[in-house]
Structure formats: C-alpha cells, structure tokens
Amino acid sequence: DPTETPVPSVTPPTLTPTPTASTPVPLGVTIAMPSHDFTEG
C-alpha cells in the first residue's frame, strides 16, 4: 500500500565483501619478504 511506510520483515544482509578462496584477484605478481630492514642474524 503506497500510503503506508513499508516495514521490512527481514534484516538486510551486510554487503561488505569478505575474502574467500573464490574471491578473484587481478592477474599479476606480488612479492613477500620477512622484513623491509635486515641486520646480522
């Protein structure tokens, strides 16, 4: 009824994407090293 304010009967889900194994990443390459600064040992 357009004269009433509709009340949803369910709470809408949060649309924040969460990373999963199936979340696509762009084609490319990334680098990993244990630090940006190294010292003896």
All heavy atoms as atom14 arrays in JSON, in Angstrom:
{
  "sequence": "DPTETPVPSVTPPTLTPTPTASTPVPLGVTIAMPSHDFTEG",
  "atom14_mask": [
    [1, 1, 1, 1, 1, 1, 1, 1, 0, 0, 0, 0, 0, 0],
    [1, 1, 1, 1, 1, 1, 1, 0, 0, 0, 0, 0, 0, 0],
    [1, 1, 1, 1, 1, 1, 1, 0, 0, 0, 0, 0, 0, 0],
    [1, 1, 1, 1, 1, 1, 1, 1, 1, 0, 0, 0, 0, 0],
    [1, 1, 1, 1, 1, 1, 1, 0, 0, 0, 0, 0, 0, 0],
    [1, 1, 1, 1, 1, 1, 1, 0, 0, 0, 0, 0, 0, 0],
    [1, 1, 1, 1, 1, 1, 1, 0, 0, 0, 0, 0, 0, 0],
    [1, 1, 1, 1, 1, 1, 1, 0, 0, 0, 0, 0, 0, 0],
    [1, 1, 1, 1, 1, 1, 0, 0, 0, 0, 0, 0, 0, 0],
    [1, 1, 1, 1, 1, 1, 1, 0, 0, 0, 0, 0, 0, 0],
    [1, 1, 1, 1, 1, 1, 1, 0, 0, 0, 0, 0, 0, 0],
    [1, 1, 1, 1, 1, 1, 1, 0, 0, 0, 0, 0, 0, 0],
    [1, 1, 1, 1, 1, 1, 1, 0, 0, 0, 0, 0, 0, 0],
    [1, 1, 1, 1, 1, 1, 1, 0, 0, 0, 0, 0, 0, 0],
    [1, 1, 1, 1, 1, 1, 1, 1, 0, 0, 0, 0, 0, 0],
    [1, 1, 1, 1, 1, 1, 1, 0, 0, 0, 0, 0, 0, 0],
    [1, 1, 1, 1, 1, 1, 1, 0, 0, 0, 0, 0, 0, 0],
    [1, 1, 1, 1, 1, 1, 1, 0, 0, 0, 0, 0, 0, 0],
    [1, 1, 1, 1, 1, 1, 1, 0, 0, 0, 0, 0, 0, 0],
    [1, 1, 1, 1, 1, 1, 1, 0, 0, 0, 0, 0, 0, 0],
    [1, 1, 1, 1, 1, 0, 0, 0, 0, 0, 0, 0, 0, 0],
    [1, 1, 1, 1, 1, 1, 0, 0, 0, 0, 0, 0, 0, 0],
    [1, 1, 1, 1, 1, 1, 1, 0, 0, 0, 0, 0, 0, 0],
    [1, 1, 1, 1, 1, 1, 1, 0, 0, 0, 0, 0, 0, 0],
    [1, 1, 1, 1, 1, 1, 1, 0, 0, 0, 0, 0, 0, 0],
    [1, 1, 1, 1, 1, 1, 1, 0, 0, 0, 0, 0, 0, 0],
    [1, 1, 1, 1, 1, 1, 1, 1, 0, 0, 0, 0, 0, 0],
    [1, 1, 1, 1, 0, 0, 0, 0, 0, 0, 0, 0, 0, 0],
    [1, 1, 1, 1, 1, 1, 1, 0, 0, 0, 0, 0, 0, 0],
    [1, 1, 1, 1, 1, 1, 1, 0, 0, 0, 0, 0, 0, 0],
    [1, 1, 1, 1, 1, 1, 1, 1, 0, 0, 0, 0, 0, 0],
    [1, 1, 1, 1, 1, 0, 0, 0, 0, 0, 0, 0, 0, 0],
    [1, 1, 1, 1, 1, 1, 1, 1, 0, 0, 0, 0, 0, 0],
    [1, 1, 1, 1, 1, 1, 1, 0, 0, 0, 0, 0, 0, 0],
    [1, 1, 1, 1, 1, 1, 0, 0, 0, 0, 0, 0, 0, 0],
    [1, 1, 1, 1, 1, 1, 1, 1, 1, 1, 0, 0, 0, 0],
    [1, 1, 1, 1, 1, 1, 1, 1, 0, 0, 0, 0, 0, 0],
    [1, 1, 1, 1, 1, 1, 1, 1, 1, 1, 1, 0, 0, 0],
    [1, 1, 1, 1, 1, 1, 1, 0, 0, 0, 0, 0, 0, 0],
    [1, 1, 1, 1, 1, 1, 1, 1, 1, 0, 0, 0, 0, 0],
    [1, 1, 1, 1, 0, 0, 0, 0, 0, 0, 0, 0, 0, 0]
  ],
  "atom14_positions": [
    [[0.87, -1.18, 0.0], [0.0, 0.0, 0.0], [0.9, 1.22, 0.0], [1.59, 1.48, 0.97], [-0.9, 0.0, 1.24], [-1.85, 1.19, 1.27], [-1.69, 2.12, 0.46], [-2.74, 1.17, 2.14], [0.0, 0.0, 0.0], [0.0, 0.0, 0.0], [0.0, 0.0, 0.0], [0.0, 0.0, 0.0], [0.0, 0.0, 0.0], [0.0, 0.0, 0.0]],
    [[0.94, 2.01, -1.11], [1.85, 3.15, -1.19], [1.58, 4.23, -0.16], [2.39, 5.12, 0.03], [1.67, 3.66, -2.61], [0.41, 3.11, -3.09], [0.14, 1.87, -2.3], [0.0, 0.0, 0.0], [0.0, 0.0, 0.0], [0.0, 0.0, 0.0], [0.0, 0.0, 0.0], [0.0, 0.0, 0.0], [0.0, 0.0, 0.0], [0.0, 0.0, 0.0]],
    [[0.44, 4.21, 0.53], [0.16, 5.22, 1.54], [0.8, 4.87, 2.88], [0.85, 5.69, 3.77], [-1.36, 5.4, 1.73], [-1.91, 4.17, 2.19], [-2.01, 5.86, 0.43], [0.0, 0.0, 0.0], [0.0, 0.0, 0.0], [0.0, 0.0, 0.0], [0.0, 0.0, 0.0], [0.0, 0.0, 0.0], [0.0, 0.0, 0.0], [0.0, 0.0, 0.0]],
    [[1.25, 3.64, 3.03], [1.9, 3.22, 4.27], [3.41, 3.17, 4.06], [3.89, 3.0, 2.95], [1.43, 1.82, 4.68], [-0.03, 1.7, 4.97], [-0.41, 0.26, 5.29], [0.5, -0.57, 5.49], [-1.59, -0.02, 5.33], [0.0, 0.0, 0.0], [0.0, 0.0, 0.0], [0.0, 0.0, 0.0], [0.0, 0.0, 0.0], [0.0, 0.0, 0.0]],
    [[4.16, 3.3, 5.13], [5.6, 3.11, 5.07], [5.85, 1.63, 5.27], [5.51, 1.09, 6.32], [6.31, 3.92, 6.18], [5.96, 5.29, 6.02], [7.81, 3.74, 6.1], [0.0, 0.0, 0.0], [0.0, 0.0, 0.0], [0.0, 0.0, 0.0], [0.0, 0.0, 0.0], [0.0, 0.0, 0.0], [0.0, 0.0, 0.0], [0.0, 0.0, 0.0]],
    [[6.43, 0.95, 4.26], [6.63, -0.47, 4.42], [7.7, -0.76, 5.48], [8.66, -0.02, 5.63], [7.09, -0.93, 3.04], [7.52, 0.3, 2.32], [6.86, 1.44, 2.98], [0.0, 0.0, 0.0], [0.0, 0.0, 0.0], [0.0, 0.0, 0.0], [0.0, 0.0, 0.0], [0.0, 0.0, 0.0], [0.0, 0.0, 0.0], [0.0, 0.0, 0.0]],
    [[7.5, -1.81, 6.23], [8.45, -2.26, 7.25], [9.01, -3.59, 6.77], [8.26, -4.54, 6.57], [7.77, -2.44, 8.62], [8.76, -2.94, 9.66], [7.13, -1.13, 9.06], [0.0, 0.0, 0.0], [0.0, 0.0, 0.0], [0.0, 0.0, 0.0], [0.0, 0.0, 0.0], [0.0, 0.0, 0.0], [0.0, 0.0, 0.0], [0.0, 0.0, 0.0]],
    [[10.32, -3.67, 6.57], [10.86, -4.94, 6.1], [10.69, -6.03, 7.15], [10.78, -5.78, 8.34], [12.34, -4.65, 5.84], [12.61, -3.29, 6.39], [11.31, -2.66, 6.75], [0.0, 0.0, 0.0], [0.0, 0.0, 0.0], [0.0, 0.0, 0.0], [0.0, 0.0, 0.0], [0.0, 0.0, 0.0], [0.0, 0.0, 0.0], [0.0, 0.0, 0.0]],
    [[10.41, -7.22, 6.69], [10.23, -8.33, 7.61], [11.53, -9.07, 7.88], [11.56, -9.93, 8.74], [9.18, -9.3, 7.05], [9.62, -9.78, 5.79], [0.0, 0.0, 0.0], [0.0, 0.0, 0.0], [0.0, 0.0, 0.0], [0.0, 0.0, 0.0], [0.0, 0.0, 0.0], [0.0, 0.0, 0.0], [0.0, 0.0, 0.0], [0.0, 0.0, 0.0]],
    [[12.59, -8.72, 7.16], [13.9, -9.33, 7.4], [14.95, -8.22, 7.42], [14.78, -7.19, 6.81], [14.28, -10.37, 6.31], [13.36, -11.56, 6.35], [14.31, -9.75, 4.94], [0.0, 0.0, 0.0], [0.0, 0.0, 0.0], [0.0, 0.0, 0.0], [0.0, 0.0, 0.0], [0.0, 0.0, 0.0], [0.0, 0.0, 0.0], [0.0, 0.0, 0.0]],
    [[16.01, -8.47, 8.15], [17.11, -7.52, 8.19], [17.98, -7.74, 6.96], [18.38, -8.87, 6.69], [17.96, -7.74, 9.46], [17.1, -7.63, 10.59], [19.09, -6.73, 9.56], [0.0, 0.0, 0.0], [0.0, 0.0, 0.0], [0.0, 0.0, 0.0], [0.0, 0.0, 0.0], [0.0, 0.0, 0.0], [0.0, 0.0, 0.0], [0.0, 0.0, 0.0]],
    [[18.28, -6.67, 6.2], [19.1, -6.88, 5.02], [20.51, -7.32, 5.41], [21.03, -6.91, 6.44], [19.13, -5.51, 4.34], [18.43, -4.56, 5.24], [17.88, -5.31, 6.39], [0.0, 0.0, 0.0], [0.0, 0.0, 0.0], [0.0, 0.0, 0.0], [0.0, 0.0, 0.0], [0.0, 0.0, 0.0], [0.0, 0.0, 0.0], [0.0, 0.0, 0.0]],
    [[21.11, -8.16, 4.59], [22.46, -8.62, 4.91], [23.48, -7.5, 4.72], [23.24, -6.56, 3.97], [22.7, -9.74, 3.89], [21.79, -9.39, 2.76], [20.6, -8.72, 3.36], [0.0, 0.0, 0.0], [0.0, 0.0, 0.0], [0.0, 0.0, 0.0], [0.0, 0.0, 0.0], [0.0, 0.0, 0.0], [0.0, 0.0, 0.0], [0.0, 0.0, 0.0]],
    [[24.57, -7.59, 5.45], [25.67, -6.65, 5.28], [26.34, -6.96, 3.95], [26.64, -8.1, 3.65], [26.68, -6.81, 6.43], [25.98, -6.61, 7.65], [27.81, -5.81, 6.31], [0.0, 0.0, 0.0], [0.0, 0.0, 0.0], [0.0, 0.0, 0.0], [0.0, 0.0, 0.0], [0.0, 0.0, 0.0], [0.0, 0.0, 0.0], [0.0, 0.0, 0.0]],
    [[26.59, -5.93, 3.16], [27.15, -6.13, 1.83], [28.66, -5.92, 1.79], [29.23, -5.68, 0.75], [26.47, -5.2, 0.83], [24.97, -5.42, 0.67], [24.39, -4.43, -0.31], [24.7, -6.85, 0.21], [0.0, 0.0, 0.0], [0.0, 0.0, 0.0], [0.0, 0.0, 0.0], [0.0, 0.0, 0.0], [0.0, 0.0, 0.0], [0.0, 0.0, 0.0]],
    [[29.31, -6.01, 2.94], [30.76, -5.89, 2.96], [31.37, -7.18, 2.42], [31.11, -8.25, 2.95], [31.27, -5.66, 4.4], [30.61, -4.52, 4.92], [32.78, -5.48, 4.42], [0.0, 0.0, 0.0], [0.0, 0.0, 0.0], [0.0, 0.0, 0.0], [0.0, 0.0, 0.0], [0.0, 0.0, 0.0], [0.0, 0.0, 0.0], [0.0, 0.0, 0.0]],
    [[32.17, -7.11, 1.34], [32.74, -8.34, 0.8], [33.75, -8.93, 1.76], [34.49, -8.21, 2.42], [33.42, -7.89, -0.5], [33.56, -6.42, -0.39], [32.56, -5.94, 0.6], [0.0, 0.0, 0.0], [0.0, 0.0, 0.0], [0.0, 0.0, 0.0], [0.0, 0.0, 0.0], [0.0, 0.0, 0.0], [0.0, 0.0, 0.0], [0.0, 0.0, 0.0]],
    [[33.74, -10.22, 1.87], [34.72, -10.91, 2.69], [35.57, -11.78, 1.78], [35.06, -12.44, 0.88], [34.04, -11.8, 3.75], [33.13, -12.67, 3.09], [33.29, -10.97, 4.77], [0.0, 0.0, 0.0], [0.0, 0.0, 0.0], [0.0, 0.0, 0.0], [0.0, 0.0, 0.0], [0.0, 0.0, 0.0], [0.0, 0.0, 0.0], [0.0, 0.0, 0.0]],
    [[36.9, -11.76, 1.99], [37.77, -12.57, 1.13], [37.49, -14.05, 1.33], [37.31, -14.51, 2.45], [39.18, -12.22, 1.6], [39.04, -11.02, 2.47], [37.63, -10.98, 2.95], [0.0, 0.0, 0.0], [0.0, 0.0, 0.0], [0.0, 0.0, 0.0], [0.0, 0.0, 0.0], [0.0, 0.0, 0.0], [0.0, 0.0, 0.0], [0.0, 0.0, 0.0]],
    [[37.44, -14.75, 0.24], [37.3, -16.2, 0.28], [38.24, -16.77, -0.76], [38.81, -16.06, -1.57], [35.86, -16.63, -0.06], [35.59, -16.28, -1.4], [34.84, -16.01, 0.87], [0.0, 0.0, 0.0], [0.0, 0.0, 0.0], [0.0, 0.0, 0.0], [0.0, 0.0, 0.0], [0.0, 0.0, 0.0], [0.0, 0.0, 0.0], [0.0, 0.0, 0.0]],
    [[38.36, -18.08, -0.74], [39.23, -18.74, -1.71], [38.75, -18.47, -3.13], [39.52, -18.49, -4.06], [39.28, -20.23, -1.44], [0.0, 0.0, 0.0], [0.0, 0.0, 0.0], [0.0, 0.0, 0.0], [0.0, 0.0, 0.0], [0.0, 0.0, 0.0], [0.0, 0.0, 0.0], [0.0, 0.0, 0.0], [0.0, 0.0, 0.0], [0.0, 0.0, 0.0]],
    [[37.45, -18.19, -3.28], [36.93, -17.97, -4.63], [36.9, -16.49, -5.02], [36.48, -16.17, -6.11], [35.53, -18.57, -4.73], [34.66, -17.9, -3.84], [0.0, 0.0, 0.0], [0.0, 0.0, 0.0], [0.0, 0.0, 0.0], [0.0, 0.0, 0.0], [0.0, 0.0, 0.0], [0.0, 0.0, 0.0], [0.0, 0.0, 0.0], [0.0, 0.0, 0.0]],
    [[37.32, -15.59, -4.11], [37.35, -14.18, -4.45], [38.43, -13.95, -5.5], [39.6, -14.23, -5.25], [37.63, -13.31, -3.21], [36.61, -13.53, -2.26], [37.67, -11.83, -3.58], [0.0, 0.0, 0.0], [0.0, 0.0, 0.0], [0.0, 0.0, 0.0], [0.0, 0.0, 0.0], [0.0, 0.0, 0.0], [0.0, 0.0, 0.0], [0.0, 0.0, 0.0]],
    [[38.07, -13.46, -6.67], [39.09, -13.29, -7.71], [40.04, -12.15, -7.38], [39.65, -11.15, -6.78], [38.29, -12.99, -8.97], [36.98, -12.49, -8.48], [36.75, -13.1, -7.13], [0.0, 0.0, 0.0], [0.0, 0.0, 0.0], [0.0, 0.0, 0.0], [0.0, 0.0, 0.0], [0.0, 0.0, 0.0], [0.0, 0.0, 0.0], [0.0, 0.0, 0.0]],
    [[41.29, -12.32, -7.71], [42.29, -11.26, -7.61], [42.75, -10.95, -9.02], [42.69, -11.8, -9.9], [43.48, -11.67, -6.72], [43.05, -11.86, -5.28], [44.14, -12.92, -7.24], [0.0, 0.0, 0.0], [0.0, 0.0, 0.0], [0.0, 0.0, 0.0], [0.0, 0.0, 0.0], [0.0, 0.0, 0.0], [0.0, 0.0, 0.0], [0.0, 0.0, 0.0]],
    [[43.23, -9.75, -9.25], [43.66, -9.43, -10.6], [44.9, -10.22, -11.0], [45.69, -10.63, -10.16], [43.97, -7.93, -10.55], [43.88, -7.52, -9.15], [43.34, -8.65, -8.34], [0.0, 0.0, 0.0], [0.0, 0.0, 0.0], [0.0, 0.0, 0.0], [0.0, 0.0, 0.0], [0.0, 0.0, 0.0], [0.0, 0.0, 0.0], [0.0, 0.0, 0.0]],
    [[45.05, -10.41, -12.29], [46.24, -11.05, -12.83], [47.45, -10.23, -12.42], [47.44, -9.01, -12.5], [46.16, -11.12, -14.35], [47.38, -11.69, -15.08], [47.61, -13.14, -14.71], [47.23, -11.52, -16.58], [0.0, 0.0, 0.0], [0.0, 0.0, 0.0], [0.0, 0.0, 0.0], [0.0, 0.0, 0.0], [0.0, 0.0, 0.0], [0.0, 0.0, 0.0]],
    [[48.5, -10.9, -11.98], [49.72, -10.2, -11.64], [50.58, -10.99, -10.67], [50.39, -12.19, -10.47], [0.0, 0.0, 0.0], [0.0, 0.0, 0.0], [0.0, 0.0, 0.0], [0.0, 0.0, 0.0], [0.0, 0.0, 0.0], [0.0, 0.0, 0.0], [0.0, 0.0, 0.0], [0.0, 0.0, 0.0], [0.0, 0.0, 0.0], [0.0, 0.0, 0.0]],
    [[51.53, -10.27, -10.06], [52.52, -10.88, -9.18], [52.69, -10.0, -7.95], [52.68, -8.76, -8.06], [53.89, -11.01, -9.89], [54.85, -11.82, -9.08], [53.74, -11.61, -11.27], [0.0, 0.0, 0.0], [0.0, 0.0, 0.0], [0.0, 0.0, 0.0], [0.0, 0.0, 0.0], [0.0, 0.0, 0.0], [0.0, 0.0, 0.0], [0.0, 0.0, 0.0]],
    [[52.86, -10.62, -6.78], [53.19, -9.88, -5.57], [54.46, -10.47, -4.96], [54.78, -11.64, -5.17], [52.06, -9.92, -4.52], [51.72, -11.27, -4.25], [50.84, -9.18, -5.01], [0.0, 0.0, 0.0], [0.0, 0.0, 0.0], [0.0, 0.0, 0.0], [0.0, 0.0, 0.0], [0.0, 0.0, 0.0], [0.0, 0.0, 0.0], [0.0, 0.0, 0.0]],
    [[55.17, -9.62, -4.2], [56.43, -10.0, -3.56], [56.21, -10.1, -2.06], [55.49, -9.28, -1.48], [57.52, -8.95, -3.83], [57.82, -8.83, -5.31], [58.8, -9.25, -3.04], [58.76, -7.69, -5.67], [0.0, 0.0, 0.0], [0.0, 0.0, 0.0], [0.0, 0.0, 0.0], [0.0, 0.0, 0.0], [0.0, 0.0, 0.0], [0.0, 0.0, 0.0]],
    [[56.88, -11.07, -1.43], [56.89, -11.15, 0.03], [58.32, -11.41, 0.5], [59.03, -12.22, -0.11], [55.97, -12.27, 0.52], [0.0, 0.0, 0.0], [0.0, 0.0, 0.0], [0.0, 0.0, 0.0], [0.0, 0.0, 0.0], [0.0, 0.0, 0.0], [0.0, 0.0, 0.0], [0.0, 0.0, 0.0], [0.0, 0.0, 0.0], [0.0, 0.0, 0.0]],
    [[58.71, -10.69, 1.53], [59.97, -10.9, 2.24], [59.63, -10.76, 3.72], [58.62, -10.16, 4.07], [61.02, -9.87, 1.83], [61.52, -10.01, 0.4], [62.81, -8.79, -0.03], [64.24, -9.53, 0.78], [0.0, 0.0, 0.0], [0.0, 0.0, 0.0], [0.0, 0.0, 0.0], [0.0, 0.0, 0.0], [0.0, 0.0, 0.0], [0.0, 0.0, 0.0]],
    [[60.47, -11.3, 4.61], [60.12, -11.22, 6.03], [60.28, -9.82, 6.64], [59.79, -9.58, 7.74], [61.07, -12.21, 6.69], [62.2, -12.37, 5.75], [61.64, -12.14, 4.37], [0.0, 0.0, 0.0], [0.0, 0.0, 0.0], [0.0, 0.0, 0.0], [0.0, 0.0, 0.0], [0.0, 0.0, 0.0], [0.0, 0.0, 0.0], [0.0, 0.0, 0.0]],
    [[60.93, -8.89, 5.94], [61.14, -7.56, 6.5], [61.5, -6.58, 5.39], [61.82, -6.98, 4.27], [62.27, -7.6, 7.54], [62.5, -6.32, 8.1], [0.0, 0.0, 0.0], [0.0, 0.0, 0.0], [0.0, 0.0, 0.0], [0.0, 0.0, 0.0], [0.0, 0.0, 0.0], [0.0, 0.0, 0.0], [0.0, 0.0, 0.0], [0.0, 0.0, 0.0]],
    [[61.48, -5.3, 5.76], [61.99, -4.26, 4.87], [63.37, -3.8, 5.34], [64.04, -3.06, 4.63], [61.04, -3.06, 4.83], [59.77, -3.35, 4.08], [59.69, -3.3, 2.7], [58.54, -3.69, 4.52], [58.46, -3.6, 2.33], [57.74, -3.84, 3.4], [0.0, 0.0, 0.0], [0.0, 0.0, 0.0], [0.0, 0.0, 0.0], [0.0, 0.0, 0.0]],
    [[63.78, -4.22, 6.54], [65.08, -3.86, 7.11], [65.73, -5.11, 7.7], [65.12, -5.78, 8.54], [64.92, -2.8, 8.2], [64.49, -1.47, 7.64], [65.31, -0.84, 6.94], [63.34, -1.06, 7.89], [0.0, 0.0, 0.0], [0.0, 0.0, 0.0], [0.0, 0.0, 0.0], [0.0, 0.0, 0.0], [0.0, 0.0, 0.0], [0.0, 0.0, 0.0]],
    [[66.95, -5.4, 7.27], [67.66, -6.58, 7.74], [68.94, -6.19, 8.48], [69.6, -5.21, 8.11], [68.02, -7.49, 6.55], [66.82, -8.05, 5.86], [66.28, -7.42, 4.74], [66.2, -9.2, 6.32], [65.16, -7.92, 4.11], [65.07, -9.71, 5.7], [64.55, -9.07, 4.58], [0.0, 0.0, 0.0], [0.0, 0.0, 0.0], [0.0, 0.0, 0.0]],
    [[69.25, -6.97, 9.51], [70.51, -6.82, 10.22], [71.11, -8.21, 10.44], [70.44, -9.23, 10.21], [70.31, -6.13, 11.59], [69.41, -6.92, 12.38], [69.76, -4.73, 11.45], [0.0, 0.0, 0.0], [0.0, 0.0, 0.0], [0.0, 0.0, 0.0], [0.0, 0.0, 0.0], [0.0, 0.0, 0.0], [0.0, 0.0, 0.0], [0.0, 0.0, 0.0]],
    [[72.35, -8.24, 10.87], [73.05, -9.51, 11.09], [72.19, -10.46, 11.94], [71.62, -10.06, 12.95], [74.38, -9.23, 11.81], [75.17, -10.48, 12.11], [76.48, -10.18, 12.82], [76.86, -9.0, 12.93], [77.12, -11.14, 13.27], [0.0, 0.0, 0.0], [0.0, 0.0, 0.0], [0.0, 0.0, 0.0], [0.0, 0.0, 0.0], [0.0, 0.0, 0.0]],
    [[72.08, -11.7, 11.48], [71.33, -12.73, 12.19], [69.87, -12.84, 11.8], [69.19, -13.79, 12.19], [0.0, 0.0, 0.0], [0.0, 0.0, 0.0], [0.0, 0.0, 0.0], [0.0, 0.0, 0.0], [0.0, 0.0, 0.0], [0.0, 0.0, 0.0], [0.0, 0.0, 0.0], [0.0, 0.0, 0.0], [0.0, 0.0, 0.0], [0.0, 0.0, 0.0]]
  ]
}
